[in-house]
Amino acid sequence: MYIDMHVHSKRSDDAGGTVEGYLKWINVLRKKGHQVDGIVLTEHRSFDFDVDYSSLAEQYGAVVLKGAEIETDLGHVLVYGITPKLADQFDFKDVTLPIHEVFRAVRDTGGYAIAAHPGRPRIGLWQHVQNGARLDGIQTIERFNGGSSAEENDLAVQLAEKHGFHCVGGSDSHYVSTIGKCITRFDRRITRVEELVEELSIGDFDAARLEDTLS
């Protein structure tokens, strides 16, 4: 399966894409021969337990899951498998959350956390690592980010190679036309967020680009 792990809809404060718009664009990509099986909505600094995309997912034949992108003292973090217990521990609107506490709490509550766009200045992990930041508990980074420059993605690759990180890809789409630009390959089928977390925990996945999905 190919899943875009980093997508923002109008529920994020700086995005214009709608979930249905993304799914329609995915069908356009499929007609061109690309395999895009699903997306994960990672809205900025928030998670709404009541939002349900199952009817849209069924209508368009795609997996639609939910996560969040939160901000920490060492850069942005993508979180999957968010539970009420986790949401009670942190104010997702806080832009200086302690990253090591976040990663530990996510793991302890049955979720999975990933360092987002690590090659970007300030909001990515790379710069903080150069300044001596510890990497305790961090296992996976976003190797390919559709909103990052080639140079920033190259820094993410170097970081992964040096520290042995697992790698995902995500488009970081804010508008529909970039959906699937960067994506993650999984070997087993995923239909629920619990299955996504399980596959991430196993580590059998890799970052890819849209052109890699051509059949």
N, C-alpha and C. Protein backbone atom coordinates (compact mmCIF):
# COMPACT_ATOMS: atom_id res chain seq x y z
N MET A 1 0.83 -1.20 0.00
CA MET A 1 0.00 0.00 0.00
C MET A 1 0.86 1.25 0.00
N TYR A 2 0.32 2.30 -0.58
CA TYR A 2 0.97 3.62 -0.54
C TYR A 2 0.04 4.60 0.17
N ILE A 3 0.53 5.17 1.25
CA ILE A 3 -0.28 6.09 2.06
C ILE A 3 0.49 7.40 2.24
N ASP A 4 -0.18 8.50 1.97
CA ASP A 4 0.38 9.83 2.22
C ASP A 4 0.18 10.14 3.70
N MET A 5 1.26 10.23 4.44
CA MET A 5 1.22 10.28 5.90
C MET A 5 1.10 11.69 6.49
N HIS A 6 1.04 12.71 5.64
CA HIS A 6 1.13 14.08 6.16
C HIS A 6 0.29 15.00 5.28
N VAL A 7 -0.95 15.21 5.70
CA VAL A 7 -1.91 15.97 4.89
C VAL A 7 -2.69 16.93 5.79
N HIS A 8 -2.90 18.15 5.29
CA HIS A 8 -3.68 19.15 6.03
C HIS A 8 -4.91 19.55 5.24
N SER A 9 -6.04 19.61 5.91
CA SER A 9 -7.27 20.08 5.28
C SER A 9 -7.59 21.48 5.81
N LYS A 10 -8.76 21.98 5.45
CA LYS A 10 -9.18 23.31 5.90
C LYS A 10 -9.29 23.40 7.42
N ARG A 11 -9.27 22.26 8.09
CA ARG A 11 -9.28 22.30 9.55
C ARG A 11 -7.97 22.84 10.11
N SER A 12 -6.91 22.81 9.30
CA SER A 12 -5.67 23.47 9.70
C SER A 12 -5.76 24.94 9.31
N ASP A 13 -5.10 25.80 10.08
CA ASP A 13 -5.29 27.23 9.90
C ASP A 13 -4.68 27.80 8.63
N ASP A 14 -3.83 27.04 7.95
CA ASP A 14 -3.16 27.59 6.77
C ASP A 14 -3.37 26.73 5.52
N ALA A 15 -4.39 25.89 5.53
CA ALA A 15 -4.61 24.97 4.40
C ALA A 15 -5.94 25.27 3.72
N GLY A 16 -5.98 24.99 2.42
CA GLY A 16 -7.20 25.25 1.66
C GLY A 16 -7.85 24.01 1.09
N GLY A 17 -7.19 22.86 1.22
CA GLY A 17 -7.72 21.62 0.64
C GLY A 17 -8.83 21.03 1.49
N THR A 18 -9.79 20.42 0.84
CA THR A 18 -10.82 19.67 1.55
C THR A 18 -10.53 18.18 1.42
N VAL A 19 -11.05 17.41 2.34
CA VAL A 19 -10.81 15.96 2.28
C VAL A 19 -11.39 15.39 0.99
N GLU A 20 -12.58 15.79 0.63
CA GLU A 20 -13.16 15.29 -0.62
C GLU A 20 -12.34 15.73 -1.82
N GLY A 21 -11.82 16.96 -1.77
CA GLY A 21 -10.96 17.42 -2.86
C GLY A 21 -9.72 16.57 -3.02
N TYR A 22 -9.11 16.19 -1.90
CA TYR A 22 -7.95 15.30 -1.96
C TYR A 22 -8.31 13.96 -2.57
N LEU A 23 -9.45 13.42 -2.18
CA LEU A 23 -9.85 12.10 -2.67
C LEU A 23 -10.18 12.15 -4.17
N LYS A 24 -10.76 13.23 -4.61
CA LYS A 24 -11.01 13.39 -6.05
C LYS A 24 -9.69 13.45 -6.81
N TRP A 25 -8.71 14.16 -6.26
CA TRP A 25 -7.41 14.27 -6.93
C TRP A 25 -6.70 12.91 -6.95
N ILE A 26 -6.87 12.15 -5.88
CA ILE A 26 -6.30 10.80 -5.87
C ILE A 26 -6.85 9.97 -7.02
N ASN A 27 -8.13 10.10 -7.31
CA ASN A 27 -8.71 9.36 -8.44
C ASN A 27 -8.13 9.83 -9.76
N VAL A 28 -7.81 11.12 -9.87
CA VAL A 28 -7.13 11.62 -11.07
C VAL A 28 -5.76 10.96 -11.20
N LEU A 29 -5.03 10.88 -10.10
CA LEU A 29 -3.70 10.25 -10.12
C LEU A 29 -3.81 8.77 -10.48
N ARG A 30 -4.83 8.10 -9.97
CA ARG A 30 -5.03 6.69 -10.29
C ARG A 30 -5.25 6.48 -11.78
N LYS A 31 -6.00 7.38 -12.40
CA LYS A 31 -6.25 7.27 -13.84
C LYS A 31 -4.97 7.44 -14.65
N LYS A 32 -3.99 8.11 -14.04
CA LYS A 32 -2.69 8.29 -14.70
C LYS A 32 -1.74 7.13 -14.41
N GLY A 33 -2.21 6.14 -13.65
CA GLY A 33 -1.40 4.96 -13.38
C GLY A 33 -0.72 4.92 -12.04
N HIS A 34 -0.95 5.91 -11.19
CA HIS A 34 -0.35 5.93 -9.87
C HIS A 34 -1.17 5.12 -8.88
N GLN A 35 -0.50 4.55 -7.91
CA GLN A 35 -1.18 3.84 -6.83
C GLN A 35 -1.09 4.71 -5.57
N VAL A 36 -2.20 5.31 -5.22
CA VAL A 36 -2.31 6.07 -3.98
C VAL A 36 -3.51 5.49 -3.24
N ASP A 37 -3.24 4.83 -2.13
CA ASP A 37 -4.29 4.06 -1.45
C ASP A 37 -4.97 4.81 -0.32
N GLY A 38 -4.32 5.84 0.22
CA GLY A 38 -4.94 6.53 1.33
C GLY A 38 -4.13 7.71 1.82
N ILE A 39 -4.72 8.41 2.77
CA ILE A 39 -4.09 9.59 3.36
C ILE A 39 -4.31 9.58 4.87
N VAL A 40 -3.44 10.31 5.57
CA VAL A 40 -3.64 10.56 7.00
C VAL A 40 -3.73 12.07 7.19
N LEU A 41 -4.86 12.53 7.74
CA LEU A 41 -5.03 13.94 8.04
C LEU A 41 -4.28 14.26 9.33
N THR A 42 -3.30 15.13 9.23
CA THR A 42 -2.47 15.51 10.38
C THR A 42 -2.62 17.01 10.61
N GLU A 43 -3.77 17.40 11.13
CA GLU A 43 -4.05 18.83 11.29
C GLU A 43 -3.12 19.45 12.32
N HIS A 44 -2.83 20.73 12.10
CA HIS A 44 -1.92 21.45 12.99
C HIS A 44 -2.50 21.62 14.39
N ARG A 45 -1.73 21.17 15.38
CA ARG A 45 -1.99 21.48 16.78
C ARG A 45 -3.40 21.14 17.25
N SER A 46 -3.99 20.10 16.68
CA SER A 46 -5.35 19.74 17.11
C SER A 46 -5.68 18.32 16.69
N PHE A 47 -6.65 17.74 17.40
CA PHE A 47 -7.19 16.43 17.03
C PHE A 47 -8.64 16.38 17.47
N ASP A 48 -9.54 16.09 16.55
CA ASP A 48 -10.97 16.05 16.83
C ASP A 48 -11.44 14.60 16.78
N PHE A 49 -11.78 14.06 17.94
CA PHE A 49 -12.21 12.67 18.02
C PHE A 49 -13.55 12.45 17.32
N ASP A 50 -14.34 13.49 17.14
CA ASP A 50 -15.69 13.33 16.60
C ASP A 50 -15.75 13.37 15.08
N VAL A 51 -14.70 13.83 14.42
CA VAL A 51 -14.73 13.90 12.95
C VAL A 51 -14.59 12.50 12.37
N ASP A 52 -15.48 12.17 11.43
CA ASP A 52 -15.52 10.84 10.83
C ASP A 52 -15.53 10.96 9.31
N TYR A 53 -14.51 10.39 8.68
CA TYR A 53 -14.40 10.45 7.23
C TYR A 53 -14.75 9.12 6.56
N SER A 54 -15.36 8.20 7.29
CA SER A 54 -15.57 6.85 6.76
C SER A 54 -16.47 6.83 5.53
N SER A 55 -17.49 7.68 5.48
CA SER A 55 -18.39 7.68 4.32
C SER A 55 -17.67 8.19 3.08
N LEU A 56 -16.85 9.23 3.24
CA LEU A 56 -16.07 9.72 2.10
C LEU A 56 -15.05 8.68 1.65
N ALA A 57 -14.43 8.03 2.61
CA ALA A 57 -13.44 7.00 2.28
C ALA A 57 -14.08 5.88 1.47
N GLU A 58 -15.26 5.47 1.88
CA GLU A 58 -15.96 4.41 1.15
C GLU A 58 -16.38 4.88 -0.23
N GLN A 59 -16.85 6.09 -0.33
CA GLN A 59 -17.31 6.64 -1.61
C GLN A 59 -16.19 6.68 -2.64
N TYR A 60 -14.98 7.02 -2.20
CA TYR A 60 -13.87 7.18 -3.14
C TYR A 60 -12.89 6.01 -3.13
N GLY A 61 -13.17 5.00 -2.35
CA GLY A 61 -12.32 3.82 -2.34
C GLY A 61 -10.91 4.08 -1.87
N ALA A 62 -10.79 4.88 -0.82
CA ALA A 62 -9.47 5.21 -0.28
C ALA A 62 -9.52 5.16 1.24
N VAL A 63 -8.38 4.91 1.84
CA VAL A 63 -8.27 4.92 3.29
C VAL A 63 -8.07 6.36 3.76
N VAL A 64 -8.85 6.78 4.75
CA VAL A 64 -8.70 8.12 5.33
C VAL A 64 -8.57 7.96 6.84
N LEU A 65 -7.39 8.26 7.35
CA LEU A 65 -7.12 8.14 8.78
C LEU A 65 -6.80 9.52 9.36
N LYS A 66 -6.73 9.58 10.69
CA LYS A 66 -6.47 10.86 11.35
C LYS A 66 -5.27 10.77 12.29
N GLY A 67 -4.48 11.83 12.31
CA GLY A 67 -3.40 12.00 13.27
C GLY A 67 -3.33 13.46 13.62
N ALA A 68 -2.15 13.95 13.93
CA ALA A 68 -1.97 15.38 14.22
C ALA A 68 -0.52 15.75 13.99
N GLU A 69 -0.30 17.03 13.71
CA GLU A 69 1.06 17.58 13.69
C GLU A 69 1.16 18.57 14.84
N ILE A 70 2.04 18.27 15.78
CA ILE A 70 2.20 19.14 16.93
C ILE A 70 3.61 19.72 16.94
N GLU A 71 3.81 20.75 17.74
CA GLU A 71 5.07 21.47 17.74
C GLU A 71 5.79 21.27 19.08
N THR A 72 7.08 20.97 18.98
CA THR A 72 7.87 20.70 20.18
C THR A 72 9.11 21.58 20.21
N ASP A 73 9.86 21.45 21.28
CA ASP A 73 11.08 22.24 21.43
C ASP A 73 12.18 21.82 20.45
N LEU A 74 12.01 20.68 19.78
CA LEU A 74 13.00 20.24 18.80
C LEU A 74 12.39 20.07 17.41
N GLY A 75 11.29 20.75 17.15
CA GLY A 75 10.69 20.67 15.83
C GLY A 75 9.32 20.02 15.84
N HIS A 76 8.71 19.96 14.66
CA HIS A 76 7.35 19.44 14.55
C HIS A 76 7.35 17.92 14.58
N VAL A 77 6.26 17.36 15.07
CA VAL A 77 6.13 15.91 15.23
C VAL A 77 4.77 15.47 14.70
N LEU A 78 4.76 14.40 13.92
CA LEU A 78 3.53 13.76 13.45
C LEU A 78 3.16 12.67 14.44
N VAL A 79 1.90 12.65 14.86
CA VAL A 79 1.46 11.68 15.86
C VAL A 79 0.28 10.89 15.30
N TYR A 80 0.37 9.57 15.45
CA TYR A 80 -0.67 8.66 14.98
C TYR A 80 -1.14 7.78 16.14
N GLY A 81 -2.43 7.45 16.14
CA GLY A 81 -2.97 6.63 17.21
C GLY A 81 -3.24 7.43 18.47
N ILE A 82 -3.79 8.62 18.29
CA ILE A 82 -4.05 9.51 19.42
C ILE A 82 -5.25 9.00 20.23
N THR A 83 -5.06 8.92 21.53
CA THR A 83 -6.11 8.46 22.44
C THR A 83 -6.52 9.61 23.36
N PRO A 84 -7.69 9.50 23.99
CA PRO A 84 -8.08 10.54 24.97
C PRO A 84 -7.04 10.69 26.07
N LYS A 85 -6.43 9.60 26.48
CA LYS A 85 -5.41 9.67 27.52
C LYS A 85 -4.23 10.54 27.09
N LEU A 86 -3.79 10.37 25.84
CA LEU A 86 -2.69 11.19 25.34
C LEU A 86 -3.12 12.65 25.23
N ALA A 87 -4.31 12.89 24.68
CA ALA A 87 -4.79 14.25 24.51
C ALA A 87 -4.93 14.98 25.84
N ASP A 88 -5.20 14.24 26.91
CA ASP A 88 -5.32 14.84 28.24
C ASP A 88 -3.96 15.23 28.81
N GLN A 89 -2.89 14.61 28.31
CA GLN A 89 -1.56 14.86 28.87
C GLN A 89 -0.90 16.13 28.32
N PHE A 90 -1.31 16.52 27.11
CA PHE A 90 -0.65 17.65 26.46
C PHE A 90 -1.68 18.62 25.88
N ASP A 91 -1.33 19.89 25.92
CA ASP A 91 -2.09 20.90 25.20
C ASP A 91 -1.51 20.99 23.80
N PHE A 92 -2.20 20.43 22.83
CA PHE A 92 -1.66 20.37 21.47
C PHE A 92 -1.42 21.76 20.89
N LYS A 93 -2.03 22.78 21.46
CA LYS A 93 -1.82 24.14 20.95
C LYS A 93 -0.51 24.75 21.45
N ASP A 94 0.11 24.13 22.43
CA ASP A 94 1.39 24.58 22.96
C ASP A 94 2.47 24.31 21.91
N VAL A 95 3.21 25.34 21.51
CA VAL A 95 4.21 25.19 20.44
C VAL A 95 5.60 24.88 20.98
N THR A 96 5.71 24.62 22.28
CA THR A 96 7.01 24.30 22.87
C THR A 96 6.93 23.02 23.70
N LEU A 97 6.16 22.06 23.25
CA LEU A 97 6.04 20.80 23.98
C LEU A 97 7.41 20.10 24.05
N PRO A 98 7.74 19.47 25.15
CA PRO A 98 9.03 18.76 25.27
C PRO A 98 9.03 17.48 24.44
N ILE A 99 9.88 17.42 23.45
CA ILE A 99 9.80 16.34 22.47
C ILE A 99 9.99 14.96 23.09
N HIS A 100 10.91 14.83 24.03
CA HIS A 100 11.17 13.51 24.60
C HIS A 100 9.98 13.03 25.43
N GLU A 101 9.33 13.94 26.10
CA GLU A 101 8.12 13.57 26.84
C GLU A 101 7.00 13.20 25.89
N VAL A 102 6.90 13.91 24.78
CA VAL A 102 5.88 13.60 23.77
C VAL A 102 6.09 12.20 23.20
N PHE A 103 7.30 11.89 22.77
CA PHE A 103 7.56 10.58 22.19
C PHE A 103 7.31 9.46 23.19
N ARG A 104 7.71 9.68 24.43
CA ARG A 104 7.49 8.66 25.46
C ARG A 104 5.99 8.47 25.73
N ALA A 105 5.25 9.55 25.85
CA ALA A 105 3.83 9.45 26.14
C ALA A 105 3.07 8.83 24.98
N VAL A 106 3.43 9.17 23.76
CA VAL A 106 2.78 8.58 22.59
C VAL A 106 2.99 7.07 22.59
N ARG A 107 4.22 6.66 22.82
CA ARG A 107 4.52 5.22 22.87
C ARG A 107 3.75 4.54 24.00
N ASP A 108 3.73 5.15 25.17
CA ASP A 108 3.09 4.54 26.33
C ASP A 108 1.58 4.43 26.19
N THR A 109 0.98 5.27 25.36
CA THR A 109 -0.47 5.23 25.16
C THR A 109 -0.87 4.48 23.89
N GLY A 110 0.10 3.79 23.28
CA GLY A 110 -0.21 2.94 22.14
C GLY A 110 -0.18 3.61 20.79
N GLY A 111 0.45 4.76 20.69
CA GLY A 111 0.55 5.46 19.42
C GLY A 111 1.95 5.41 18.84
N TYR A 112 2.18 6.25 17.84
CA TYR A 112 3.50 6.29 17.20
C TYR A 112 3.78 7.73 16.78
N ALA A 113 5.00 8.21 17.03
CA ALA A 113 5.40 9.58 16.72
C ALA A 113 6.57 9.59 15.74
N ILE A 114 6.57 10.57 14.87
CA ILE A 114 7.58 10.70 13.83
C ILE A 114 8.03 12.16 13.75
N ALA A 115 9.32 12.39 13.62
CA ALA A 115 9.84 13.74 13.45
C ALA A 115 9.55 14.23 12.03
N ALA A 116 8.79 15.32 11.93
CA ALA A 116 8.37 15.84 10.63
C ALA A 116 9.44 16.73 10.01
N HIS A 117 9.44 16.74 8.66
CA HIS A 117 10.35 17.57 7.84
C HIS A 117 11.63 17.96 8.60
N PRO A 118 12.46 16.96 8.95
CA PRO A 118 13.61 17.21 9.84
C PRO A 118 14.69 18.11 9.26
N GLY A 119 14.70 18.30 7.94
CA GLY A 119 15.74 19.13 7.34
C GLY A 119 15.46 20.61 7.37
N ARG A 120 14.29 21.01 7.79
CA ARG A 120 13.96 22.44 7.78
C ARG A 120 14.56 23.17 8.98
N PRO A 121 14.96 24.42 8.78
CA PRO A 121 15.49 25.20 9.90
C PRO A 121 14.44 25.40 10.99
N ARG A 122 14.86 25.33 12.21
CA ARG A 122 14.07 25.61 13.41
C ARG A 122 12.94 24.61 13.65
N ILE A 123 12.09 24.36 12.67
CA ILE A 123 10.95 23.47 12.90
C ILE A 123 11.26 22.02 12.52
N GLY A 124 12.52 21.74 12.19
CA GLY A 124 12.96 20.38 11.88
C GLY A 124 14.05 19.94 12.84
N LEU A 125 14.26 18.64 12.90
CA LEU A 125 15.18 18.06 13.88
C LEU A 125 16.65 18.35 13.58
N TRP A 126 17.01 18.46 12.32
CA TRP A 126 18.42 18.56 11.91
C TRP A 126 19.18 19.66 12.66
N GLN A 127 18.66 20.86 12.62
CA GLN A 127 19.36 21.99 13.23
C GLN A 127 19.57 21.76 14.72
N HIS A 128 18.59 21.18 15.38
CA HIS A 128 18.70 20.94 16.81
C HIS A 128 19.74 19.86 17.11
N VAL A 129 19.84 18.86 16.22
CA VAL A 129 20.85 17.82 16.38
C VAL A 129 22.24 18.43 16.28
N GLN A 130 22.42 19.36 15.35
CA GLN A 130 23.71 20.02 15.19
C GLN A 130 24.09 20.81 16.43
N ASN A 131 23.07 21.20 17.18
CA ASN A 131 23.32 21.96 18.41
C ASN A 131 23.40 21.07 19.64
N GLY A 132 23.45 19.74 19.40
CA GLY A 132 23.68 18.81 20.49
C GLY A 132 22.44 18.18 21.10
N ALA A 133 21.30 18.29 20.44
CA ALA A 133 20.07 17.73 20.99
C ALA A 133 20.16 16.20 21.08
N ARG A 134 19.58 15.65 22.14
CA ARG A 134 19.51 14.20 22.29
C ARG A 134 18.41 13.63 21.40
N LEU A 135 18.58 12.38 20.97
CA LEU A 135 17.62 11.73 20.09
C LEU A 135 16.90 10.58 20.77
N ASP A 136 16.90 10.58 22.09
CA ASP A 136 16.28 9.50 22.86
C ASP A 136 14.84 9.27 22.41
N GLY A 137 14.53 8.03 22.10
CA GLY A 137 13.16 7.64 21.80
C GLY A 137 12.70 7.90 20.39
N ILE A 138 13.50 8.61 19.60
CA ILE A 138 13.11 8.90 18.21
C ILE A 138 13.60 7.77 17.31
N GLN A 139 12.67 7.12 16.63
CA GLN A 139 13.01 6.00 15.78
C GLN A 139 12.79 6.28 14.30
N THR A 140 11.90 7.22 14.00
CA THR A 140 11.47 7.42 12.61
C THR A 140 11.39 8.90 12.29
N ILE A 141 11.80 9.25 11.07
CA ILE A 141 11.70 10.63 10.61
C ILE A 141 11.01 10.65 9.25
N GLU A 142 10.59 11.84 8.87
CA GLU A 142 10.00 12.04 7.54
C GLU A 142 11.13 12.33 6.56
N ARG A 143 11.51 11.32 5.83
CA ARG A 143 12.66 11.45 4.91
C ARG A 143 12.31 12.32 3.70
N PHE A 144 11.15 12.10 3.12
CA PHE A 144 10.69 12.89 1.98
C PHE A 144 9.47 13.69 2.40
N ASN A 145 9.57 15.01 2.30
CA ASN A 145 8.45 15.90 2.60
C ASN A 145 8.17 16.75 1.38
N GLY A 146 6.92 16.74 0.90
CA GLY A 146 6.59 17.42 -0.34
C GLY A 146 6.68 18.93 -0.27
N GLY A 147 6.70 19.49 0.93
CA GLY A 147 6.82 20.93 1.08
C GLY A 147 8.23 21.41 1.36
N SER A 148 9.15 20.48 1.53
CA SER A 148 10.55 20.83 1.80
C SER A 148 11.33 20.96 0.50
N SER A 149 12.40 21.73 0.53
CA SER A 149 13.27 21.85 -0.64
C SER A 149 14.10 20.57 -0.81
N ALA A 150 14.72 20.43 -1.97
CA ALA A 150 15.58 19.27 -2.20
C ALA A 150 16.72 19.24 -1.20
N GLU A 151 17.26 20.39 -0.87
CA GLU A 151 18.35 20.46 0.09
C GLU A 151 17.89 20.02 1.48
N GLU A 152 16.69 20.43 1.87
CA GLU A 152 16.17 20.06 3.18
C GLU A 152 15.89 18.56 3.25
N ASN A 153 15.37 18.00 2.16
CA ASN A 153 15.15 16.55 2.13
C ASN A 153 16.47 15.80 2.12
N ASP A 154 17.50 16.37 1.51
CA ASP A 154 18.83 15.74 1.53
C ASP A 154 19.37 15.69 2.97
N LEU A 155 19.13 16.72 3.73
CA LEU A 155 19.56 16.72 5.13
C LEU A 155 18.84 15.63 5.92
N ALA A 156 17.56 15.42 5.60
CA ALA A 156 16.80 14.36 6.26
C ALA A 156 17.39 12.99 5.92
N VAL A 157 17.78 12.80 4.66
CA VAL A 157 18.41 11.55 4.25
C VAL A 157 19.70 11.33 5.03
N GLN A 158 20.53 12.37 5.14
CA GLN A 158 21.79 12.25 5.89
C GLN A 158 21.52 11.90 7.35
N LEU A 159 20.50 12.51 7.92
CA LEU A 159 20.16 12.25 9.31
C LEU A 159 19.74 10.79 9.49
N ALA A 160 18.95 10.30 8.55
CA ALA A 160 18.49 8.91 8.63
C ALA A 160 19.65 7.94 8.50
N GLU A 161 20.55 8.21 7.57
CA GLU A 161 21.69 7.31 7.35
C GLU A 161 22.64 7.32 8.54
N LYS A 162 22.85 8.47 9.14
CA LYS A 162 23.78 8.57 10.26
C LYS A 162 23.25 7.90 11.51
N HIS A 163 21.94 8.01 11.74
CA HIS A 163 21.37 7.53 13.00
C HIS A 163 20.52 6.28 12.84
N GLY A 164 20.40 5.77 11.62
CA GLY A 164 19.66 4.53 11.40
C GLY A 164 18.16 4.66 11.59
N PHE A 165 17.61 5.83 11.31
CA PHE A 165 16.19 6.03 11.47
C PHE A 165 15.38 5.29 10.40
N HIS A 166 14.20 4.82 10.77
CA HIS A 166 13.21 4.42 9.77
C HIS A 166 12.71 5.69 9.10
N CYS A 167 12.14 5.54 7.89
CA CYS A 167 11.76 6.73 7.12
C CYS A 167 10.37 6.60 6.50
N VAL A 168 9.62 7.69 6.58
CA VAL A 168 8.34 7.79 5.89
C VAL A 168 8.40 8.95 4.90
N GLY A 169 7.38 9.01 4.06
CA GLY A 169 7.20 10.13 3.15
C GLY A 169 5.81 10.70 3.29
N GLY A 170 5.71 12.01 3.18
CA GLY A 170 4.41 12.67 3.23
C GLY A 170 4.41 13.92 2.39
N SER A 171 3.30 14.21 1.76
CA SER A 171 3.25 15.36 0.85
C SER A 171 3.25 16.69 1.60
N ASP A 172 2.78 16.69 2.87
CA ASP A 172 2.59 17.94 3.61
C ASP A 172 1.65 18.85 2.83
N SER A 173 0.67 18.22 2.19
CA SER A 173 -0.25 18.98 1.33
C SER A 173 -1.11 19.93 2.15
N HIS A 174 -1.22 21.14 1.62
CA HIS A 174 -2.18 22.13 2.13
C HIS A 174 -3.23 22.42 1.06
N TYR A 175 -2.92 22.01 -0.17
CA TYR A 175 -3.84 22.17 -1.30
C TYR A 175 -3.83 20.87 -2.11
N VAL A 176 -4.92 20.62 -2.81
CA VAL A 176 -5.16 19.28 -3.36
C VAL A 176 -4.13 18.85 -4.40
N SER A 177 -3.56 19.78 -5.14
CA SER A 177 -2.73 19.39 -6.29
C SER A 177 -1.41 18.74 -5.90
N THR A 178 -1.03 18.79 -4.61
CA THR A 178 0.24 18.18 -4.21
C THR A 178 0.06 16.85 -3.49
N ILE A 179 -1.16 16.37 -3.38
CA ILE A 179 -1.39 15.13 -2.65
C ILE A 179 -0.59 13.98 -3.27
N GLY A 180 0.03 13.18 -2.42
CA GLY A 180 0.79 12.03 -2.89
C GLY A 180 2.17 12.33 -3.42
N LYS A 181 2.59 13.60 -3.43
CA LYS A 181 3.90 13.97 -3.97
C LYS A 181 5.01 13.17 -3.30
N CYS A 182 4.93 13.04 -2.00
CA CYS A 182 5.78 12.13 -1.23
C CYS A 182 4.84 11.22 -0.44
N ILE A 183 5.26 9.98 -0.25
CA ILE A 183 4.31 8.98 0.22
C ILE A 183 5.08 7.86 0.93
N THR A 184 4.37 6.96 1.58
CA THR A 184 5.02 5.87 2.30
C THR A 184 4.50 4.53 1.80
N ARG A 185 5.44 3.62 1.55
CA ARG A 185 5.08 2.27 1.09
C ARG A 185 5.01 1.32 2.27
N PHE A 186 3.90 0.60 2.35
CA PHE A 186 3.72 -0.46 3.34
C PHE A 186 3.48 -1.77 2.61
N ASP A 187 3.97 -2.88 3.17
CA ASP A 187 3.82 -4.18 2.52
C ASP A 187 2.50 -4.86 2.84
N ARG A 188 1.86 -4.46 3.93
CA ARG A 188 0.60 -5.08 4.32
C ARG A 188 -0.54 -4.06 4.27
N ARG A 189 -1.74 -4.57 4.13
CA ARG A 189 -2.91 -3.71 4.00
C ARG A 189 -3.21 -3.01 5.32
N ILE A 190 -3.57 -1.74 5.21
CA ILE A 190 -3.93 -0.92 6.37
C ILE A 190 -5.29 -0.30 6.12
N THR A 191 -6.20 -0.47 7.05
CA THR A 191 -7.53 0.14 6.92
C THR A 191 -7.91 0.95 8.15
N ARG A 192 -7.21 0.74 9.27
CA ARG A 192 -7.53 1.43 10.52
C ARG A 192 -6.26 2.02 11.12
N VAL A 193 -6.41 3.03 11.94
CA VAL A 193 -5.24 3.68 12.52
C VAL A 193 -4.46 2.72 13.41
N GLU A 194 -5.16 1.76 14.04
CA GLU A 194 -4.47 0.77 14.87
C GLU A 194 -3.53 -0.08 14.03
N GLU A 195 -3.96 -0.40 12.81
CA GLU A 195 -3.10 -1.16 11.90
C GLU A 195 -1.92 -0.32 11.43
N LEU A 196 -2.15 0.97 11.22
CA LEU A 196 -1.06 1.87 10.84
C LEU A 196 0.00 1.90 11.93
N VAL A 197 -0.43 2.07 13.17
CA VAL A 197 0.51 2.11 14.29
C VAL A 197 1.28 0.80 14.39
N GLU A 198 0.59 -0.32 14.19
CA GLU A 198 1.25 -1.62 14.25
C GLU A 198 2.34 -1.74 13.19
N GLU A 199 2.02 -1.33 11.96
CA GLU A 199 3.00 -1.42 10.88
C GLU A 199 4.18 -0.48 11.13
N LEU A 200 3.91 0.69 11.65
CA LEU A 200 5.00 1.61 11.98
C LEU A 200 5.89 1.03 13.07
N SER A 201 5.28 0.37 14.04
CA SER A 201 6.05 -0.22 15.13
C SER A 201 6.91 -1.38 14.66
N ILE A 202 6.42 -2.13 13.67
CA ILE A 202 7.19 -3.23 13.10
C ILE A 202 8.38 -2.70 12.31
N GLY A 203 8.18 -1.57 11.64
CA GLY A 203 9.28 -0.95 10.89
C GLY A 203 9.41 -1.39 9.46
N ASP A 204 8.42 -2.09 8.94
CA ASP A 204 8.49 -2.61 7.57
C ASP A 204 7.80 -1.65 6.60
N PHE A 205 8.44 -0.52 6.33
CA PHE A 205 7.90 0.51 5.45
C PHE A 205 9.06 1.36 4.94
N ASP A 206 8.78 2.21 3.97
CA ASP A 206 9.85 3.06 3.47
C ASP A 206 9.25 4.29 2.79
N ALA A 207 10.04 5.35 2.75
CA ALA A 207 9.63 6.58 2.08
C ALA A 207 9.70 6.40 0.57
N ALA A 208 8.79 7.05 -0.13
CA ALA A 208 8.75 6.96 -1.59
C ALA A 208 8.27 8.29 -2.15
N ARG A 209 8.35 8.39 -3.47
CA ARG A 209 7.82 9.56 -4.17
C ARG A 209 6.71 9.10 -5.11
N LEU A 210 5.91 10.05 -5.57
CA LEU A 210 4.75 9.71 -6.39
C LEU A 210 5.14 8.86 -7.60
N GLU A 211 6.27 9.18 -8.21
CA GLU A 211 6.68 8.43 -9.40
C GLU A 211 6.97 6.96 -9.09
N ASP A 212 7.29 6.66 -7.84
CA ASP A 212 7.54 5.28 -7.46
C ASP A 212 6.27 4.44 -7.44
N THR A 213 5.11 5.09 -7.46
CA THR A 213 3.85 4.37 -7.37
C THR A 213 3.27 3.97 -8.72
N LEU A 214 3.93 4.34 -9.78
CA LEU A 214 3.43 4.02 -11.12
C LEU A 214 3.40 2.50 -11.31
N SER A 215 2.27 1.99 -11.79
CA SER A 215 2.14 0.55 -11.99
C SER A 215 2.64 0.15 -13.38
